[in-house]
Amino acid sequence: MWFVITDEPLAITKINTAIALSGGVPQYIKKPKIEWIAEDKKKANLDNVAKDILYKNLDKNTFSKINTCKIGKEIWEKLIQLCERNEQTKENKLSVATQKFDNIRMKPGESMTEFDERVSRIVIELNGLGKTYPNREVILKVIQGISKEWDVKTMAMRESKDLNKLELHDLFADLKAYEFELQTR
């Protein structure tokens, strides 16, 4: 299947018996569909399988950019173009992601779960672009970005927890538990 994606769909051929061997090498012609055997049908369908796999792993935005492609190879080349582009695009994406991280703040009315998901997306995006922050820096950025009504909880966490050893998921687990406790009162 990888050859179908990187090259093109497999051609179903047969040896041309009407023409003599040229230089000892047989010549191949396209095999009529009526002569296809089960293995030929599987090979011919590999491009459809590849396209299906690629389609299923795309978000709606990316799908809309490649849905006019006819074969798996076209889809793959377009995805490479969209995702890798050039160094300037990568630097721009990194700059935007870094700015998102630097300015992360909990939105009014945002739940801790929503905030967790937003922070995680930004951290994953930064990691994908080759930028990693020390865990302590991420934890401090999150604590600083939490709404004022959480000041008592965040102050207590700063004093009681070793921020060098605290994991992001543990921080959010504590904050979500506290949020649930507040909501049940």
N, C-alpha and C. Protein backbone atom coordinates (compact mmCIF):
# COMPACT_ATOMS: atom_id res chain seq x y z
N MET A 1 0.82 -1.19 0.00
CA MET A 1 0.00 0.00 0.00
C MET A 1 0.87 1.25 0.00
N TRP A 2 2.00 1.21 0.70
CA TRP A 2 2.86 2.38 0.75
C TRP A 2 3.32 2.79 -0.66
N PHE A 3 3.60 1.81 -1.51
CA PHE A 3 4.00 2.12 -2.89
C PHE A 3 2.87 2.82 -3.64
N VAL A 4 1.65 2.45 -3.36
CA VAL A 4 0.50 3.09 -3.99
C VAL A 4 0.44 4.56 -3.57
N ILE A 5 0.74 4.83 -2.30
CA ILE A 5 0.68 6.21 -1.79
C ILE A 5 1.87 7.04 -2.30
N THR A 6 3.05 6.45 -2.33
CA THR A 6 4.23 7.23 -2.72
C THR A 6 4.47 7.24 -4.22
N ASP A 7 3.97 6.25 -4.94
CA ASP A 7 4.16 6.20 -6.39
C ASP A 7 2.85 6.53 -7.10
N GLU A 8 2.04 5.54 -7.31
CA GLU A 8 0.72 5.72 -7.92
C GLU A 8 0.00 4.38 -7.89
N PRO A 9 -1.28 4.36 -8.25
CA PRO A 9 -2.00 3.08 -8.22
C PRO A 9 -1.29 2.03 -9.09
N LEU A 10 -1.39 0.79 -8.65
CA LEU A 10 -0.75 -0.29 -9.39
C LEU A 10 -1.48 -0.53 -10.70
N ALA A 11 -0.72 -0.68 -11.77
CA ALA A 11 -1.32 -0.99 -13.07
C ALA A 11 -1.47 -2.50 -13.16
N ILE A 12 -2.62 -2.93 -13.58
CA ILE A 12 -2.88 -4.36 -13.75
C ILE A 12 -2.53 -4.69 -15.20
N THR A 13 -1.46 -5.44 -15.36
CA THR A 13 -0.94 -5.72 -16.70
C THR A 13 -0.79 -7.21 -16.94
N LYS A 14 -0.56 -7.51 -18.21
CA LYS A 14 -0.25 -8.89 -18.61
C LYS A 14 0.79 -8.83 -19.71
N ILE A 15 1.42 -9.93 -19.97
CA ILE A 15 2.43 -10.00 -21.02
C ILE A 15 1.72 -9.92 -22.37
N ASN A 16 2.26 -9.10 -23.24
CA ASN A 16 1.72 -8.95 -24.59
C ASN A 16 2.22 -10.12 -25.43
N THR A 17 1.33 -11.04 -25.72
CA THR A 17 1.72 -12.22 -26.50
C THR A 17 1.68 -11.97 -28.00
N ALA A 18 1.08 -10.85 -28.42
CA ALA A 18 0.98 -10.53 -29.84
C ALA A 18 2.30 -10.02 -30.40
N ILE A 19 3.16 -9.48 -29.54
CA ILE A 19 4.44 -8.93 -29.98
C ILE A 19 5.55 -9.80 -29.43
N ALA A 20 6.52 -10.05 -30.27
CA ALA A 20 7.66 -10.87 -29.86
C ALA A 20 8.49 -10.13 -28.81
N LEU A 21 9.25 -10.89 -28.04
CA LEU A 21 10.11 -10.31 -27.02
C LEU A 21 11.10 -9.34 -27.67
N SER A 22 11.25 -8.18 -27.04
CA SER A 22 12.22 -7.21 -27.57
C SER A 22 13.46 -7.28 -26.70
N GLY A 23 14.49 -7.80 -27.26
CA GLY A 23 15.75 -7.92 -26.54
C GLY A 23 15.64 -8.88 -25.38
N GLY A 24 14.78 -9.87 -25.43
CA GLY A 24 14.64 -10.86 -24.37
C GLY A 24 13.79 -10.39 -23.21
N VAL A 25 13.25 -9.16 -23.30
CA VAL A 25 12.42 -8.62 -22.23
C VAL A 25 10.97 -8.60 -22.70
N PRO A 26 10.06 -9.22 -21.94
CA PRO A 26 8.66 -9.21 -22.38
C PRO A 26 8.06 -7.80 -22.28
N GLN A 27 7.11 -7.53 -23.16
CA GLN A 27 6.38 -6.27 -23.12
C GLN A 27 5.05 -6.50 -22.40
N TYR A 28 4.63 -5.49 -21.62
CA TYR A 28 3.39 -5.61 -20.87
C TYR A 28 2.36 -4.65 -21.42
N ILE A 29 1.11 -5.09 -21.38
CA ILE A 29 -0.01 -4.24 -21.78
C ILE A 29 -1.05 -4.27 -20.65
N LYS A 30 -1.96 -3.30 -20.70
CA LYS A 30 -3.02 -3.24 -19.70
C LYS A 30 -3.92 -4.46 -19.83
N LYS A 31 -4.19 -5.08 -18.70
CA LYS A 31 -5.00 -6.28 -18.68
C LYS A 31 -6.49 -5.87 -18.65
N PRO A 32 -7.30 -6.39 -19.56
CA PRO A 32 -8.74 -6.05 -19.54
C PRO A 32 -9.39 -6.52 -18.23
N LYS A 33 -10.33 -5.72 -17.72
CA LYS A 33 -10.98 -6.05 -16.44
C LYS A 33 -11.65 -7.41 -16.47
N ILE A 34 -12.11 -7.83 -17.59
CA ILE A 34 -12.80 -9.13 -17.70
C ILE A 34 -11.85 -10.29 -17.40
N GLU A 35 -10.54 -10.04 -17.54
CA GLU A 35 -9.54 -11.08 -17.30
C GLU A 35 -8.96 -11.03 -15.88
N TRP A 36 -9.37 -10.06 -15.10
CA TRP A 36 -8.82 -9.90 -13.75
C TRP A 36 -9.17 -11.10 -12.88
N ILE A 37 -8.20 -11.51 -12.09
CA ILE A 37 -8.43 -12.54 -11.08
C ILE A 37 -8.57 -11.82 -9.73
N ALA A 38 -8.88 -12.56 -8.68
CA ALA A 38 -9.11 -11.97 -7.36
C ALA A 38 -7.91 -11.13 -6.91
N GLU A 39 -6.68 -11.59 -7.14
CA GLU A 39 -5.49 -10.86 -6.74
C GLU A 39 -5.38 -9.52 -7.49
N ASP A 40 -5.73 -9.53 -8.77
CA ASP A 40 -5.72 -8.29 -9.57
C ASP A 40 -6.71 -7.28 -8.99
N LYS A 41 -7.86 -7.76 -8.60
CA LYS A 41 -8.90 -6.88 -8.04
C LYS A 41 -8.42 -6.26 -6.73
N LYS A 42 -7.75 -7.06 -5.90
CA LYS A 42 -7.20 -6.53 -4.65
C LYS A 42 -6.16 -5.46 -4.91
N LYS A 43 -5.27 -5.72 -5.86
CA LYS A 43 -4.23 -4.74 -6.20
C LYS A 43 -4.85 -3.45 -6.74
N ALA A 44 -5.86 -3.59 -7.59
CA ALA A 44 -6.51 -2.41 -8.17
C ALA A 44 -7.23 -1.60 -7.11
N ASN A 45 -7.67 -2.24 -6.04
CA ASN A 45 -8.43 -1.56 -4.98
C ASN A 45 -7.52 -0.92 -3.92
N LEU A 46 -6.23 -1.20 -3.96
CA LEU A 46 -5.32 -0.66 -2.94
C LEU A 46 -5.35 0.85 -2.87
N ASP A 47 -5.49 1.52 -4.00
CA ASP A 47 -5.53 2.98 -3.98
C ASP A 47 -6.78 3.47 -3.23
N ASN A 48 -7.90 2.79 -3.44
CA ASN A 48 -9.13 3.16 -2.71
C ASN A 48 -8.97 2.96 -1.22
N VAL A 49 -8.32 1.88 -0.83
CA VAL A 49 -8.08 1.60 0.59
C VAL A 49 -7.17 2.68 1.17
N ALA A 50 -6.11 3.02 0.42
CA ALA A 50 -5.17 4.05 0.88
C ALA A 50 -5.90 5.39 1.04
N LYS A 51 -6.72 5.77 0.07
CA LYS A 51 -7.47 7.03 0.16
C LYS A 51 -8.40 7.02 1.36
N ASP A 52 -9.04 5.90 1.59
CA ASP A 52 -9.95 5.78 2.73
C ASP A 52 -9.21 5.97 4.05
N ILE A 53 -8.06 5.35 4.19
CA ILE A 53 -7.26 5.48 5.41
C ILE A 53 -6.83 6.93 5.60
N LEU A 54 -6.36 7.55 4.55
CA LEU A 54 -5.94 8.95 4.65
C LEU A 54 -7.12 9.86 4.99
N TYR A 55 -8.25 9.66 4.35
CA TYR A 55 -9.44 10.48 4.60
C TYR A 55 -9.90 10.38 6.06
N LYS A 56 -9.91 9.17 6.58
CA LYS A 56 -10.44 8.95 7.93
C LYS A 56 -9.60 9.60 9.02
N ASN A 57 -8.36 9.95 8.70
CA ASN A 57 -7.48 10.53 9.71
C ASN A 57 -7.33 12.03 9.58
N LEU A 58 -8.21 12.66 8.82
CA LEU A 58 -8.13 14.09 8.61
C LEU A 58 -9.27 14.82 9.30
N ASP A 59 -9.00 16.03 9.76
CA ASP A 59 -10.08 16.86 10.27
C ASP A 59 -10.82 17.49 9.09
N LYS A 60 -11.96 18.10 9.34
CA LYS A 60 -12.79 18.65 8.27
C LYS A 60 -12.05 19.72 7.47
N ASN A 61 -11.29 20.55 8.16
CA ASN A 61 -10.57 21.63 7.49
C ASN A 61 -9.55 21.07 6.50
N THR A 62 -8.75 20.10 6.93
CA THR A 62 -7.75 19.52 6.05
C THR A 62 -8.41 18.73 4.93
N PHE A 63 -9.48 18.00 5.26
CA PHE A 63 -10.19 17.22 4.25
C PHE A 63 -10.69 18.11 3.12
N SER A 64 -11.20 19.29 3.48
CA SER A 64 -11.73 20.20 2.45
C SER A 64 -10.63 20.65 1.49
N LYS A 65 -9.39 20.61 1.92
CA LYS A 65 -8.27 21.04 1.07
C LYS A 65 -7.76 19.95 0.14
N ILE A 66 -8.11 18.68 0.44
CA ILE A 66 -7.57 17.59 -0.38
C ILE A 66 -8.68 16.77 -1.07
N ASN A 67 -9.94 17.12 -0.84
CA ASN A 67 -11.02 16.25 -1.35
C ASN A 67 -11.14 16.23 -2.87
N THR A 68 -10.43 17.10 -3.57
CA THR A 68 -10.47 17.08 -5.04
C THR A 68 -9.39 16.16 -5.62
N CYS A 69 -8.51 15.66 -4.78
CA CYS A 69 -7.45 14.76 -5.25
C CYS A 69 -8.07 13.44 -5.71
N LYS A 70 -7.54 12.91 -6.80
CA LYS A 70 -8.11 11.70 -7.40
C LYS A 70 -7.47 10.40 -6.90
N ILE A 71 -6.17 10.44 -6.59
CA ILE A 71 -5.49 9.21 -6.18
C ILE A 71 -4.75 9.43 -4.87
N GLY A 72 -4.40 8.34 -4.22
CA GLY A 72 -3.72 8.39 -2.93
C GLY A 72 -2.42 9.18 -2.99
N LYS A 73 -1.68 9.06 -4.08
CA LYS A 73 -0.42 9.78 -4.23
C LYS A 73 -0.65 11.28 -4.21
N GLU A 74 -1.70 11.76 -4.90
CA GLU A 74 -2.03 13.19 -4.90
C GLU A 74 -2.37 13.68 -3.49
N ILE A 75 -3.15 12.88 -2.77
CA ILE A 75 -3.53 13.23 -1.39
C ILE A 75 -2.28 13.35 -0.54
N TRP A 76 -1.40 12.37 -0.63
CA TRP A 76 -0.19 12.35 0.18
C TRP A 76 0.68 13.57 -0.12
N GLU A 77 0.87 13.88 -1.40
CA GLU A 77 1.69 15.03 -1.79
C GLU A 77 1.08 16.33 -1.29
N LYS A 78 -0.26 16.43 -1.36
CA LYS A 78 -0.93 17.64 -0.88
C LYS A 78 -0.79 17.76 0.64
N LEU A 79 -0.91 16.64 1.35
CA LEU A 79 -0.75 16.66 2.81
C LEU A 79 0.67 17.09 3.20
N ILE A 80 1.66 16.59 2.47
CA ILE A 80 3.04 17.00 2.74
C ILE A 80 3.17 18.50 2.52
N GLN A 81 2.61 18.97 1.44
CA GLN A 81 2.66 20.40 1.13
C GLN A 81 1.96 21.22 2.22
N LEU A 82 0.80 20.77 2.67
CA LEU A 82 0.04 21.49 3.69
C LEU A 82 0.71 21.47 5.05
N CYS A 83 1.29 20.32 5.40
CA CYS A 83 1.82 20.15 6.75
C CYS A 83 3.26 20.62 6.90
N GLU A 84 4.09 20.37 5.92
CA GLU A 84 5.50 20.72 6.06
C GLU A 84 5.79 22.12 5.53
N ARG A 85 5.25 22.38 4.36
CA ARG A 85 5.48 23.66 3.68
C ARG A 85 6.96 24.01 3.71
N ASN A 86 7.28 25.18 4.19
CA ASN A 86 8.68 25.56 4.20
C ASN A 86 9.08 26.04 5.59
N GLU A 87 10.33 26.38 5.75
CA GLU A 87 10.84 26.79 7.06
C GLU A 87 10.17 28.07 7.56
N GLN A 88 9.87 28.98 6.63
CA GLN A 88 9.22 30.24 7.02
C GLN A 88 7.84 29.96 7.64
N THR A 89 7.09 29.06 7.03
CA THR A 89 5.77 28.71 7.55
C THR A 89 5.91 28.06 8.92
N LYS A 90 6.90 27.17 9.06
CA LYS A 90 7.13 26.51 10.35
C LYS A 90 7.47 27.53 11.43
N GLU A 91 8.33 28.48 11.08
CA GLU A 91 8.69 29.53 12.04
C GLU A 91 7.47 30.37 12.42
N ASN A 92 6.63 30.67 11.44
CA ASN A 92 5.42 31.45 11.72
C ASN A 92 4.48 30.68 12.65
N LYS A 93 4.32 29.38 12.37
CA LYS A 93 3.46 28.55 13.23
C LYS A 93 4.02 28.50 14.65
N LEU A 94 5.34 28.37 14.75
CA LEU A 94 5.98 28.32 16.06
C LEU A 94 5.79 29.63 16.80
N SER A 95 5.90 30.72 16.10
CA SER A 95 5.72 32.04 16.70
C SER A 95 4.29 32.20 17.22
N VAL A 96 3.32 31.80 16.44
CA VAL A 96 1.91 31.90 16.86
C VAL A 96 1.64 30.98 18.05
N ALA A 97 2.14 29.75 18.00
CA ALA A 97 1.93 28.81 19.10
C ALA A 97 2.60 29.30 20.38
N THR A 98 3.80 29.86 20.26
CA THR A 98 4.50 30.40 21.42
C THR A 98 3.72 31.56 22.03
N GLN A 99 3.19 32.40 21.16
CA GLN A 99 2.38 33.53 21.64
C GLN A 99 1.12 33.03 22.35
N LYS A 100 0.49 31.98 21.80
CA LYS A 100 -0.69 31.38 22.46
C LYS A 100 -0.31 30.90 23.85
N PHE A 101 0.85 30.24 23.95
CA PHE A 101 1.30 29.71 25.23
C PHE A 101 1.58 30.86 26.21
N ASP A 102 2.28 31.86 25.73
CA ASP A 102 2.63 32.99 26.60
C ASP A 102 1.40 33.72 27.11
N ASN A 103 0.34 33.76 26.32
CA ASN A 103 -0.86 34.51 26.68
C ASN A 103 -2.01 33.65 27.20
N ILE A 104 -1.71 32.40 27.55
CA ILE A 104 -2.79 31.50 27.98
C ILE A 104 -3.44 32.02 29.26
N ARG A 105 -4.74 32.17 29.19
CA ARG A 105 -5.54 32.62 30.32
C ARG A 105 -6.85 31.86 30.29
N MET A 106 -7.35 31.54 31.45
CA MET A 106 -8.64 30.89 31.56
C MET A 106 -9.71 31.91 31.18
N LYS A 107 -10.60 31.52 30.29
CA LYS A 107 -11.66 32.42 29.83
C LYS A 107 -12.79 32.47 30.85
N PRO A 108 -13.50 33.60 30.94
CA PRO A 108 -14.65 33.68 31.86
C PRO A 108 -15.67 32.58 31.51
N GLY A 109 -16.09 31.85 32.52
CA GLY A 109 -17.08 30.79 32.33
C GLY A 109 -16.50 29.49 31.80
N GLU A 110 -15.20 29.45 31.54
CA GLU A 110 -14.57 28.24 31.02
C GLU A 110 -14.39 27.23 32.15
N SER A 111 -14.74 25.99 31.88
CA SER A 111 -14.55 24.96 32.90
C SER A 111 -13.09 24.55 32.92
N MET A 112 -12.70 23.88 33.99
CA MET A 112 -11.32 23.43 34.11
C MET A 112 -11.01 22.38 33.04
N THR A 113 -11.98 21.56 32.67
CA THR A 113 -11.79 20.56 31.61
C THR A 113 -11.50 21.25 30.29
N GLU A 114 -12.26 22.30 29.97
CA GLU A 114 -12.05 23.04 28.73
C GLU A 114 -10.67 23.72 28.72
N PHE A 115 -10.31 24.28 29.86
CA PHE A 115 -9.01 24.94 29.97
C PHE A 115 -7.89 23.91 29.81
N ASP A 116 -8.05 22.75 30.43
CA ASP A 116 -7.08 21.66 30.32
C ASP A 116 -6.91 21.27 28.85
N GLU A 117 -8.00 21.10 28.14
CA GLU A 117 -7.94 20.71 26.73
C GLU A 117 -7.24 21.78 25.89
N ARG A 118 -7.53 23.02 26.16
CA ARG A 118 -6.91 24.12 25.42
C ARG A 118 -5.41 24.17 25.67
N VAL A 119 -5.00 24.06 26.93
CA VAL A 119 -3.58 24.07 27.28
C VAL A 119 -2.89 22.87 26.62
N SER A 120 -3.50 21.70 26.71
CA SER A 120 -2.92 20.49 26.13
C SER A 120 -2.72 20.64 24.63
N ARG A 121 -3.71 21.20 23.93
CA ARG A 121 -3.58 21.40 22.48
C ARG A 121 -2.39 22.30 22.16
N ILE A 122 -2.23 23.36 22.93
CA ILE A 122 -1.12 24.29 22.68
C ILE A 122 0.22 23.61 22.95
N VAL A 123 0.33 22.86 24.06
CA VAL A 123 1.58 22.17 24.39
C VAL A 123 1.91 21.12 23.32
N ILE A 124 0.90 20.38 22.85
CA ILE A 124 1.11 19.38 21.80
C ILE A 124 1.54 20.06 20.50
N GLU A 125 0.91 21.17 20.18
CA GLU A 125 1.29 21.92 18.97
C GLU A 125 2.74 22.38 19.06
N LEU A 126 3.13 22.91 20.21
CA LEU A 126 4.52 23.35 20.39
C LEU A 126 5.49 22.18 20.28
N ASN A 127 5.15 21.06 20.90
CA ASN A 127 6.01 19.87 20.81
C ASN A 127 6.17 19.43 19.36
N GLY A 128 5.07 19.45 18.61
CA GLY A 128 5.10 19.07 17.20
C GLY A 128 5.98 19.98 16.36
N LEU A 129 6.12 21.21 16.81
CA LEU A 129 6.96 22.18 16.10
C LEU A 129 8.40 22.20 16.65
N GLY A 130 8.68 21.30 17.59
CA GLY A 130 10.04 21.17 18.11
C GLY A 130 10.35 22.05 19.31
N LYS A 131 9.34 22.68 19.91
CA LYS A 131 9.56 23.57 21.07
C LYS A 131 9.00 22.88 22.31
N THR A 132 9.86 22.65 23.28
CA THR A 132 9.40 22.07 24.54
C THR A 132 9.77 22.99 25.68
N TYR A 133 8.90 23.06 26.64
CA TYR A 133 9.13 23.85 27.84
C TYR A 133 9.35 22.91 29.00
N PRO A 134 10.17 23.31 29.98
CA PRO A 134 10.30 22.49 31.19
C PRO A 134 8.93 22.39 31.86
N ASN A 135 8.68 21.25 32.48
CA ASN A 135 7.39 21.00 33.12
C ASN A 135 7.03 22.10 34.11
N ARG A 136 7.99 22.54 34.89
CA ARG A 136 7.73 23.58 35.89
C ARG A 136 7.22 24.86 35.23
N GLU A 137 7.78 25.21 34.08
CA GLU A 137 7.36 26.42 33.37
C GLU A 137 5.91 26.30 32.88
N VAL A 138 5.55 25.13 32.40
CA VAL A 138 4.17 24.90 31.95
C VAL A 138 3.22 24.99 33.14
N ILE A 139 3.58 24.36 34.25
CA ILE A 139 2.75 24.38 35.46
C ILE A 139 2.56 25.83 35.93
N LEU A 140 3.64 26.59 36.02
CA LEU A 140 3.54 27.99 36.46
C LEU A 140 2.69 28.81 35.50
N LYS A 141 2.83 28.58 34.20
CA LYS A 141 2.05 29.31 33.21
C LYS A 141 0.56 29.02 33.40
N VAL A 142 0.22 27.77 33.66
CA VAL A 142 -1.18 27.38 33.88
C VAL A 142 -1.70 28.04 35.16
N ILE A 143 -0.94 27.94 36.24
CA ILE A 143 -1.37 28.53 37.52
C ILE A 143 -1.58 30.03 37.37
N GLN A 144 -0.67 30.69 36.64
CA GLN A 144 -0.81 32.13 36.44
C GLN A 144 -2.00 32.48 35.55
N GLY A 145 -2.39 31.55 34.70
CA GLY A 145 -3.49 31.81 33.76
C GLY A 145 -4.87 31.49 34.31
N ILE A 146 -4.92 30.94 35.53
CA ILE A 146 -6.21 30.58 36.12
C ILE A 146 -6.89 31.83 36.67
N SER A 147 -8.21 31.86 36.56
CA SER A 147 -9.01 33.01 37.00
C SER A 147 -8.75 33.35 38.47
N LYS A 148 -9.03 34.60 38.80
CA LYS A 148 -8.80 35.14 40.16
C LYS A 148 -9.56 34.35 41.24
N GLU A 149 -10.75 33.85 40.91
CA GLU A 149 -11.51 33.13 41.93
C GLU A 149 -10.82 31.83 42.37
N TRP A 150 -9.78 31.43 41.67
CA TRP A 150 -9.02 30.23 42.02
C TRP A 150 -7.77 30.57 42.82
N ASP A 151 -7.56 31.82 43.16
CA ASP A 151 -6.33 32.25 43.84
C ASP A 151 -6.03 31.46 45.12
N VAL A 152 -7.06 31.19 45.91
CA VAL A 152 -6.85 30.46 47.17
C VAL A 152 -6.30 29.07 46.87
N LYS A 153 -6.91 28.39 45.93
CA LYS A 153 -6.48 27.03 45.58
C LYS A 153 -5.07 27.03 44.97
N THR A 154 -4.81 27.94 44.04
CA THR A 154 -3.49 27.96 43.41
C THR A 154 -2.39 28.33 44.40
N MET A 155 -2.70 29.23 45.33
CA MET A 155 -1.72 29.61 46.36
C MET A 155 -1.40 28.39 47.23
N ALA A 156 -2.45 27.66 47.61
CA ALA A 156 -2.25 26.47 48.44
C ALA A 156 -1.42 25.42 47.69
N MET A 157 -1.68 25.27 46.39
CA MET A 157 -0.92 24.30 45.60
C MET A 157 0.54 24.70 45.48
N ARG A 158 0.80 25.96 45.30
CA ARG A 158 2.18 26.44 45.20
C ARG A 158 2.96 26.15 46.47
N GLU A 159 2.29 26.30 47.60
CA GLU A 159 2.96 26.09 48.88
C GLU A 159 3.08 24.62 49.25
N SER A 160 2.10 23.80 48.86
CA SER A 160 2.10 22.41 49.31
C SER A 160 2.72 21.42 48.32
N LYS A 161 2.86 21.79 47.07
CA LYS A 161 3.35 20.85 46.05
C LYS A 161 4.72 21.28 45.56
N ASP A 162 5.52 20.29 45.21
CA ASP A 162 6.81 20.56 44.59
C ASP A 162 6.55 20.72 43.09
N LEU A 163 6.59 21.95 42.61
CA LEU A 163 6.26 22.23 41.22
C LEU A 163 7.26 21.63 40.24
N ASN A 164 8.42 21.26 40.73
CA ASN A 164 9.41 20.61 39.86
C ASN A 164 9.01 19.17 39.55
N LYS A 165 8.23 18.57 40.43
CA LYS A 165 7.84 17.17 40.26
C LYS A 165 6.39 17.01 39.83
N LEU A 166 5.60 18.06 39.93
CA LEU A 166 4.18 18.00 39.60
C LEU A 166 4.00 17.87 38.09
N GLU A 167 3.18 16.92 37.68
CA GLU A 167 2.87 16.71 36.26
C GLU A 167 1.63 17.52 35.91
N LEU A 168 1.53 17.92 34.66
CA LEU A 168 0.41 18.74 34.21
C LEU A 168 -0.93 18.04 34.43
N HIS A 169 -1.00 16.75 34.12
CA HIS A 169 -2.26 16.03 34.30
C HIS A 169 -2.65 15.94 35.78
N ASP A 170 -1.66 15.86 36.67
CA ASP A 170 -1.94 15.84 38.12
C ASP A 170 -2.45 17.20 38.58
N LEU A 171 -1.86 18.26 38.06
CA LEU A 171 -2.33 19.61 38.39
C LEU A 171 -3.79 19.77 38.01
N PHE A 172 -4.12 19.41 36.78
CA PHE A 172 -5.50 19.55 36.33
C PHE A 172 -6.45 18.60 37.05
N ALA A 173 -5.97 17.43 37.44
CA ALA A 173 -6.82 16.50 38.21
C ALA A 173 -7.20 17.14 39.55
N ASP A 174 -6.21 17.77 40.21
CA ASP A 174 -6.49 18.46 41.48
C ASP A 174 -7.45 19.61 41.28
N LEU A 175 -7.22 20.39 40.23
CA LEU A 175 -8.08 21.55 39.97
C LEU A 175 -9.50 21.12 39.60
N LYS A 176 -9.64 20.05 38.85
CA LYS A 176 -10.97 19.56 38.48
C LYS A 176 -11.71 19.03 39.70
N ALA A 177 -10.98 18.34 40.57
CA ALA A 177 -11.60 17.84 41.81
C ALA A 177 -12.09 19.01 42.66
N TYR A 178 -11.29 20.05 42.75
CA TYR A 178 -11.67 21.25 43.51
C TYR A 178 -12.87 21.93 42.86
N GLU A 179 -12.88 22.01 41.55
CA GLU A 179 -14.00 22.61 40.81
C GLU A 179 -15.28 21.83 41.08
N PHE A 180 -15.18 20.49 41.06
CA PHE A 180 -16.36 19.66 41.32
C PHE A 180 -16.87 19.89 42.73
N GLU A 181 -15.94 19.97 43.68
CA GLU A 181 -16.30 20.22 45.07
C GLU A 181 -17.03 21.56 45.21
N LEU A 182 -16.54 22.58 44.53
CA LEU A 182 -17.19 23.89 44.57
C LEU A 182 -18.60 23.86 43.97
N GLN A 183 -18.74 23.12 42.90
CA GLN A 183 -20.03 23.03 42.21
C GLN A 183 -21.07 22.27 43.02
N THR A 184 -20.63 21.32 43.83
CA THR A 184 -21.57 20.52 44.62
C THR A 184 -22.01 21.22 45.89
N ARG A 185 -21.33 22.29 46.28
CA ARG A 185 -21.70 23.01 47.49
C ARG A 185 -22.90 23.86 47.26
